Amino acid sequence: MEQTDLSAMTALVLAGVRPSGDPFAERQGVIHKGLIVVAGKPILTRVCDALHDAGVGRVVVATNCDDVAALARANGADVTPAQSGPSATVGAALVAFGAPLLVTTADHALLQGAWVRDFVADAAGEGDVSILLASRDVVERDVPGTQRTWMRLADGHWTGCNLFLLRTEAAGRGIAMWSEVEANRKRPFRMASRLGWGTLVRFVLGRLSIKAMVARIGRQAGIDARIVAARDGRVAVDVDKEADLDLVRRLMQSEGRA
């Protein structure tokens, strides 16, 4: 199997600010979640550090916030403009920087270089797009008591990890579908119905696996889309609300990183 060389890869960090702002970040005294300081470092700094540690050749932060852009450059990252939404930003970055393109988010506070290397290795050079997901048993093993949004399917409960690998240029054909999945990521019934009656019936009867759903979404978009199961449940933790921030700080303190 062809392996993906991390040193030849661009990593895109999504760090756009909605026109309406981010009330959660503003309650922390900053304009963007990536600027929140956790254990002495802004979250965006931790994300950039993890990507550099993984051996990624180039880190690019997509943002429309001057403070985020300045912090990104201070951490050895390039900056590109954020577009109207995450999927549009990824599409523009794929055109600008080419494949393979690794995508993550600026609120991925616990991200570690080893997790990035594991994800790329487990993707095994196959498919056009790979998506990292974590099963409930792995998340609850590594982060007991955490509250996540779960997709309930035949092969268990799954949650997103904000790590994607667009391995080929063909991945660009999936950007429009990504936008639809993005809008319905917490509505698996709606996603299943989008794929046709047969898929919807399998979903209702509890016979649709996460791999089958992602593969069918990919086929509709004309790409080979696959999932990779996370090895460490902590990779599913991002910072969307106060409870997430408290959890991240507790985990860092328990790991001696505070």
Protein backbone atom coordinates (compact mmCIF):
# COMPACT_ATOMS: atom_id res chain seq x y z
CA MET A 1 0.00 0.00 0.00
CA GLU A 2 1.17 3.52 -0.80
CA GLN A 3 2.07 5.46 2.33
CA THR A 4 1.52 9.20 2.66
CA ASP A 5 4.67 11.21 3.42
CA LEU A 6 3.86 13.69 6.17
CA SER A 7 6.78 15.92 5.17
CA ALA A 8 5.17 16.40 1.74
CA MET A 9 1.80 17.27 3.24
CA THR A 10 0.07 20.57 4.01
CA ALA A 11 -2.00 20.74 7.18
CA LEU A 12 -4.92 23.17 7.13
CA VAL A 13 -6.19 24.52 10.45
CA LEU A 14 -9.73 25.91 10.25
CA ALA A 15 -9.91 29.09 12.33
CA GLY A 16 -12.59 31.26 10.78
CA VAL A 17 -14.80 33.61 12.80
CA ARG A 18 -18.53 33.75 12.07
CA PRO A 19 -19.92 37.19 11.17
CA SER A 20 -22.06 36.98 14.30
CA GLY A 21 -18.99 36.28 16.43
CA ASP A 22 -18.37 33.48 18.93
CA PRO A 23 -20.19 34.08 22.25
CA PHE A 24 -18.30 31.25 23.97
CA ALA A 25 -14.89 32.69 23.03
CA GLU A 26 -16.03 36.18 23.97
CA ARG A 27 -17.01 34.93 27.45
CA GLN A 28 -13.36 33.82 27.78
CA GLY A 29 -12.22 37.34 26.88
CA VAL A 30 -11.02 36.58 23.33
CA ILE A 31 -12.45 36.81 19.82
CA HIS A 32 -11.68 33.21 18.78
CA LYS A 33 -11.48 29.86 20.58
CA GLY A 34 -7.96 29.31 19.30
CA LEU A 35 -6.81 32.27 21.41
CA ILE A 36 -8.02 30.77 24.69
CA VAL A 37 -5.04 30.00 26.91
CA VAL A 38 -4.89 26.46 28.30
CA ALA A 39 -2.03 25.45 30.60
CA GLY A 40 0.00 28.49 29.60
CA LYS A 41 -0.47 28.31 25.82
CA PRO A 42 -3.20 29.44 23.43
CA ILE A 43 -5.07 26.48 21.95
CA LEU A 44 -3.98 27.39 18.42
CA THR A 45 -0.34 27.26 19.53
CA ARG A 46 -0.94 23.74 20.83
CA VAL A 47 -2.50 22.69 17.52
CA CYS A 48 0.42 24.12 15.51
CA ASP A 49 2.92 22.47 17.87
CA ALA A 50 1.21 19.09 17.41
CA LEU A 51 1.24 19.37 13.62
CA HIS A 52 4.90 20.39 13.56
CA ASP A 53 5.70 17.52 15.94
CA ALA A 54 3.90 15.12 13.61
CA GLY A 55 6.33 16.08 10.86
CA VAL A 56 3.86 17.88 8.57
CA GLY A 57 5.77 19.82 5.92
CA ARG A 58 3.62 22.94 5.98
CA VAL A 59 1.01 24.27 8.40
CA VAL A 60 -1.54 26.78 7.09
CA VAL A 61 -4.12 28.51 9.28
CA ALA A 62 -7.30 29.64 7.52
CA THR A 63 -8.71 32.68 9.28
CA ASN A 64 -10.36 36.07 8.86
CA CYS A 65 -9.16 37.27 12.28
CA ASP A 66 -6.04 39.44 12.54
CA ASP A 67 -5.20 38.24 16.06
CA VAL A 68 -5.40 34.59 14.99
CA ALA A 69 -3.30 35.30 11.90
CA ALA A 70 -0.60 36.96 13.99
CA LEU A 71 -0.51 34.05 16.43
CA ALA A 72 -0.36 31.56 13.56
CA ARG A 73 2.66 33.27 12.01
CA ALA A 74 4.35 33.42 15.42
CA ASN A 75 3.99 29.64 15.57
CA GLY A 76 5.58 28.93 12.21
CA ALA A 77 2.36 28.66 10.21
CA ASP A 78 1.31 30.36 6.99
CA VAL A 79 -2.06 32.09 6.75
CA THR A 80 -4.79 31.86 4.12
CA PRO A 81 -8.19 33.61 4.08
CA ALA A 82 -11.16 31.75 5.58
CA GLN A 83 -14.08 31.44 3.18
CA SER A 84 -17.84 31.50 3.84
CA GLY A 85 -17.77 28.19 5.76
CA PRO A 86 -15.51 25.23 6.57
CA SER A 87 -16.25 23.26 3.41
CA ALA A 88 -15.65 26.29 1.17
CA THR A 89 -12.39 26.99 3.02
CA VAL A 90 -11.22 23.40 2.53
CA GLY A 91 -12.15 23.55 -1.15
CA ALA A 92 -10.14 26.73 -1.67
CA ALA A 93 -7.17 25.29 0.21
CA LEU A 94 -7.21 22.11 -1.87
CA VAL A 95 -6.99 24.23 -5.01
CA ALA A 96 -4.26 26.45 -3.55
CA PHE A 97 -2.07 23.83 -1.86
CA GLY A 98 -2.99 20.57 -3.54
CA ALA A 99 -3.20 17.08 -2.11
CA PRO A 100 -2.52 15.46 0.24
CA LEU A 101 -4.19 17.94 2.57
CA LEU A 102 -4.69 17.22 6.26
CA VAL A 103 -7.51 19.22 7.87
CA THR A 104 -8.14 19.98 11.54
CA THR A 105 -9.54 22.80 13.67
CA ALA A 106 -8.11 25.56 15.85
CA ASP A 107 -10.02 24.33 18.93
CA HIS A 108 -8.38 20.87 18.96
CA ALA A 109 -6.68 21.60 22.27
CA LEU A 110 -5.50 18.08 23.13
CA LEU A 111 -4.14 17.24 19.68
CA GLN A 112 -0.85 15.35 19.72
CA GLY A 113 1.64 14.70 16.96
CA ALA A 114 1.46 10.96 17.59
CA TRP A 115 -2.31 10.97 16.93
CA VAL A 116 -1.75 12.70 13.59
CA ARG A 117 0.91 10.15 12.62
CA ASP A 118 -1.36 7.27 13.69
CA PHE A 119 -4.26 8.65 11.64
CA VAL A 120 -2.18 9.03 8.49
CA ALA A 121 -0.62 5.58 8.97
CA ASP A 122 -4.01 3.94 9.57
CA ALA A 123 -5.43 5.61 6.47
CA ALA A 124 -2.85 3.41 4.72
CA GLY A 125 -2.67 5.41 1.50
CA GLU A 126 -6.13 4.28 0.38
CA GLY A 127 -9.14 6.23 -0.81
CA ASP A 128 -9.56 9.86 -1.76
CA VAL A 129 -10.76 11.03 1.66
CA SER A 130 -10.27 9.54 5.14
CA ILE A 131 -12.22 10.71 8.19
CA LEU A 132 -11.14 10.03 11.76
CA LEU A 133 -14.00 8.91 14.01
CA ALA A 134 -13.97 7.56 17.56
CA SER A 135 -16.18 4.82 18.90
CA ARG A 136 -18.02 5.39 22.14
CA ASP A 137 -16.23 2.61 23.99
CA VAL A 138 -12.82 4.10 23.13
CA VAL A 139 -13.88 7.63 24.11
CA GLU A 140 -15.42 6.49 27.40
CA ARG A 141 -12.34 4.38 28.13
CA ASP A 142 -10.00 7.34 27.73
CA VAL A 143 -12.26 10.24 28.78
CA PRO A 144 -14.81 8.85 31.26
CA GLY A 145 -17.91 10.98 31.66
CA THR A 146 -17.37 13.22 28.65
CA GLN A 147 -20.47 14.39 26.80
CA ARG A 148 -20.22 13.97 23.00
CA THR A 149 -22.75 13.94 20.17
CA TRP A 150 -23.07 10.31 19.04
CA MET A 151 -24.13 8.83 15.73
CA ARG A 152 -25.92 5.56 16.59
CA LEU A 153 -25.35 2.96 13.87
CA ALA A 154 -25.20 -0.81 13.48
CA ASP A 155 -21.55 -1.03 14.50
CA GLY A 156 -21.85 1.18 17.57
CA HIS A 157 -21.92 4.84 18.52
CA TRP A 158 -19.46 7.16 16.80
CA THR A 159 -18.33 10.76 17.15
CA GLY A 160 -16.18 13.06 15.05
CA CYS A 161 -12.55 13.90 15.78
CA ASN A 162 -11.95 16.96 13.56
CA LEU A 163 -9.24 15.22 11.55
CA PHE A 164 -9.61 14.62 7.81
CA LEU A 165 -7.16 13.55 5.13
CA LEU A 166 -7.82 14.60 1.54
CA ARG A 167 -5.30 12.28 -0.09
CA THR A 168 -6.00 12.97 -3.77
CA GLU A 169 -7.12 15.87 -5.94
CA ALA A 170 -10.32 13.91 -6.59
CA ALA A 171 -11.33 14.75 -3.02
CA GLY A 172 -12.43 18.12 -4.37
CA ARG A 173 -15.48 16.42 -5.88
CA GLY A 174 -16.69 15.75 -2.35
CA ILE A 175 -16.68 19.36 -1.14
CA ALA A 176 -20.34 19.99 -2.01
CA MET A 177 -21.35 16.77 -0.25
CA TRP A 178 -19.15 17.77 2.70
CA SER A 179 -21.16 20.98 2.97
CA GLU A 180 -24.37 18.96 3.22
CA VAL A 181 -22.93 16.53 5.76
CA GLU A 182 -21.58 19.52 7.71
CA ALA A 183 -25.09 20.95 7.95
CA ASN A 184 -26.57 17.59 9.04
CA ARG A 185 -23.72 16.08 11.06
CA LYS A 186 -25.94 15.77 14.14
CA ARG A 187 -28.87 14.37 12.12
CA PRO A 188 -27.86 10.88 10.91
CA PHE A 189 -31.50 10.13 9.93
CA ARG A 190 -31.43 13.03 7.48
CA MET A 191 -28.03 11.93 6.13
CA ALA A 192 -29.29 8.38 5.64
CA SER A 193 -32.43 9.57 3.86
CA ARG A 194 -30.26 11.65 1.49
CA LEU A 195 -28.71 8.36 0.31
CA GLY A 196 -31.94 6.74 -0.82
CA TRP A 197 -34.73 4.51 0.50
CA GLY A 198 -32.59 1.39 0.75
CA THR A 199 -30.05 3.13 2.94
CA LEU A 200 -32.78 4.79 4.99
CA VAL A 201 -34.47 1.43 5.68
CA ARG A 202 -31.14 -0.11 6.72
CA PHE A 203 -30.56 2.84 9.04
CA VAL A 204 -34.03 2.59 10.64
CA LEU A 205 -33.58 -1.17 11.14
CA GLY A 206 -30.19 -0.65 12.74
CA ARG A 207 -28.32 -2.39 9.92
CA LEU A 208 -26.30 0.52 8.55
CA SER A 209 -22.68 0.72 9.69
CA ILE A 210 -20.65 3.91 9.85
CA LYS A 211 -18.29 2.59 7.18
CA ALA A 212 -21.20 1.84 4.87
CA MET A 213 -22.73 5.28 5.39
CA VAL A 214 -19.48 7.12 4.70
CA ALA A 215 -18.73 4.91 1.67
CA ARG A 216 -22.19 5.59 0.21
CA ILE A 217 -21.86 9.33 0.79
CA GLY A 218 -18.53 9.14 -1.00
CA ARG A 219 -19.94 7.22 -3.95
CA GLN A 220 -22.68 9.82 -4.39
CA ALA A 221 -19.96 12.45 -4.58
CA GLY A 222 -17.86 10.36 -6.96
CA ILE A 223 -15.03 9.69 -4.50
CA ASP A 224 -13.69 6.85 -2.37
CA ALA A 225 -14.41 7.95 1.21
CA ARG A 226 -13.33 5.89 4.21
CA ILE A 227 -13.29 6.11 7.97
CA VAL A 228 -10.38 5.50 10.31
CA ALA A 229 -11.15 4.44 13.88
CA ALA A 230 -9.31 6.52 16.47
CA ARG A 231 -6.85 4.69 18.71
CA ASP A 232 -7.12 7.24 21.55
CA GLY A 233 -10.51 8.60 22.64
CA ARG A 234 -9.05 11.95 23.71
CA VAL A 235 -8.75 12.94 20.06
CA ALA A 236 -12.55 13.37 20.01
CA VAL A 237 -12.40 16.25 22.51
CA ASP A 238 -12.57 19.77 21.12
CA VAL A 239 -13.48 23.03 22.85
CA ASP A 240 -16.99 24.17 21.95
CA LYS A 241 -18.30 25.16 25.37
CA GLU A 242 -17.33 25.80 28.99
CA ALA A 243 -17.68 22.13 29.94
CA ASP A 244 -15.21 21.16 27.19
CA LEU A 245 -12.74 23.80 28.37
CA ASP A 246 -12.99 22.57 31.96
CA LEU A 247 -12.47 18.99 30.77
CA VAL A 248 -9.39 19.90 28.74
CA ARG A 249 -7.86 21.73 31.68
CA ARG A 250 -8.53 18.78 34.01
CA LEU A 251 -7.01 16.32 31.54
CA MET A 252 -3.92 18.44 31.09
CA GLN A 253 -3.51 18.80 34.82
CA SER A 254 -3.84 15.04 35.34
CA GLU A 255 -1.25 14.43 32.60
CA GLY A 256 1.16 16.92 34.12
CA ARG A 257 0.82 19.38 31.24
CA ALA A 258 -0.72 22.18 33.31
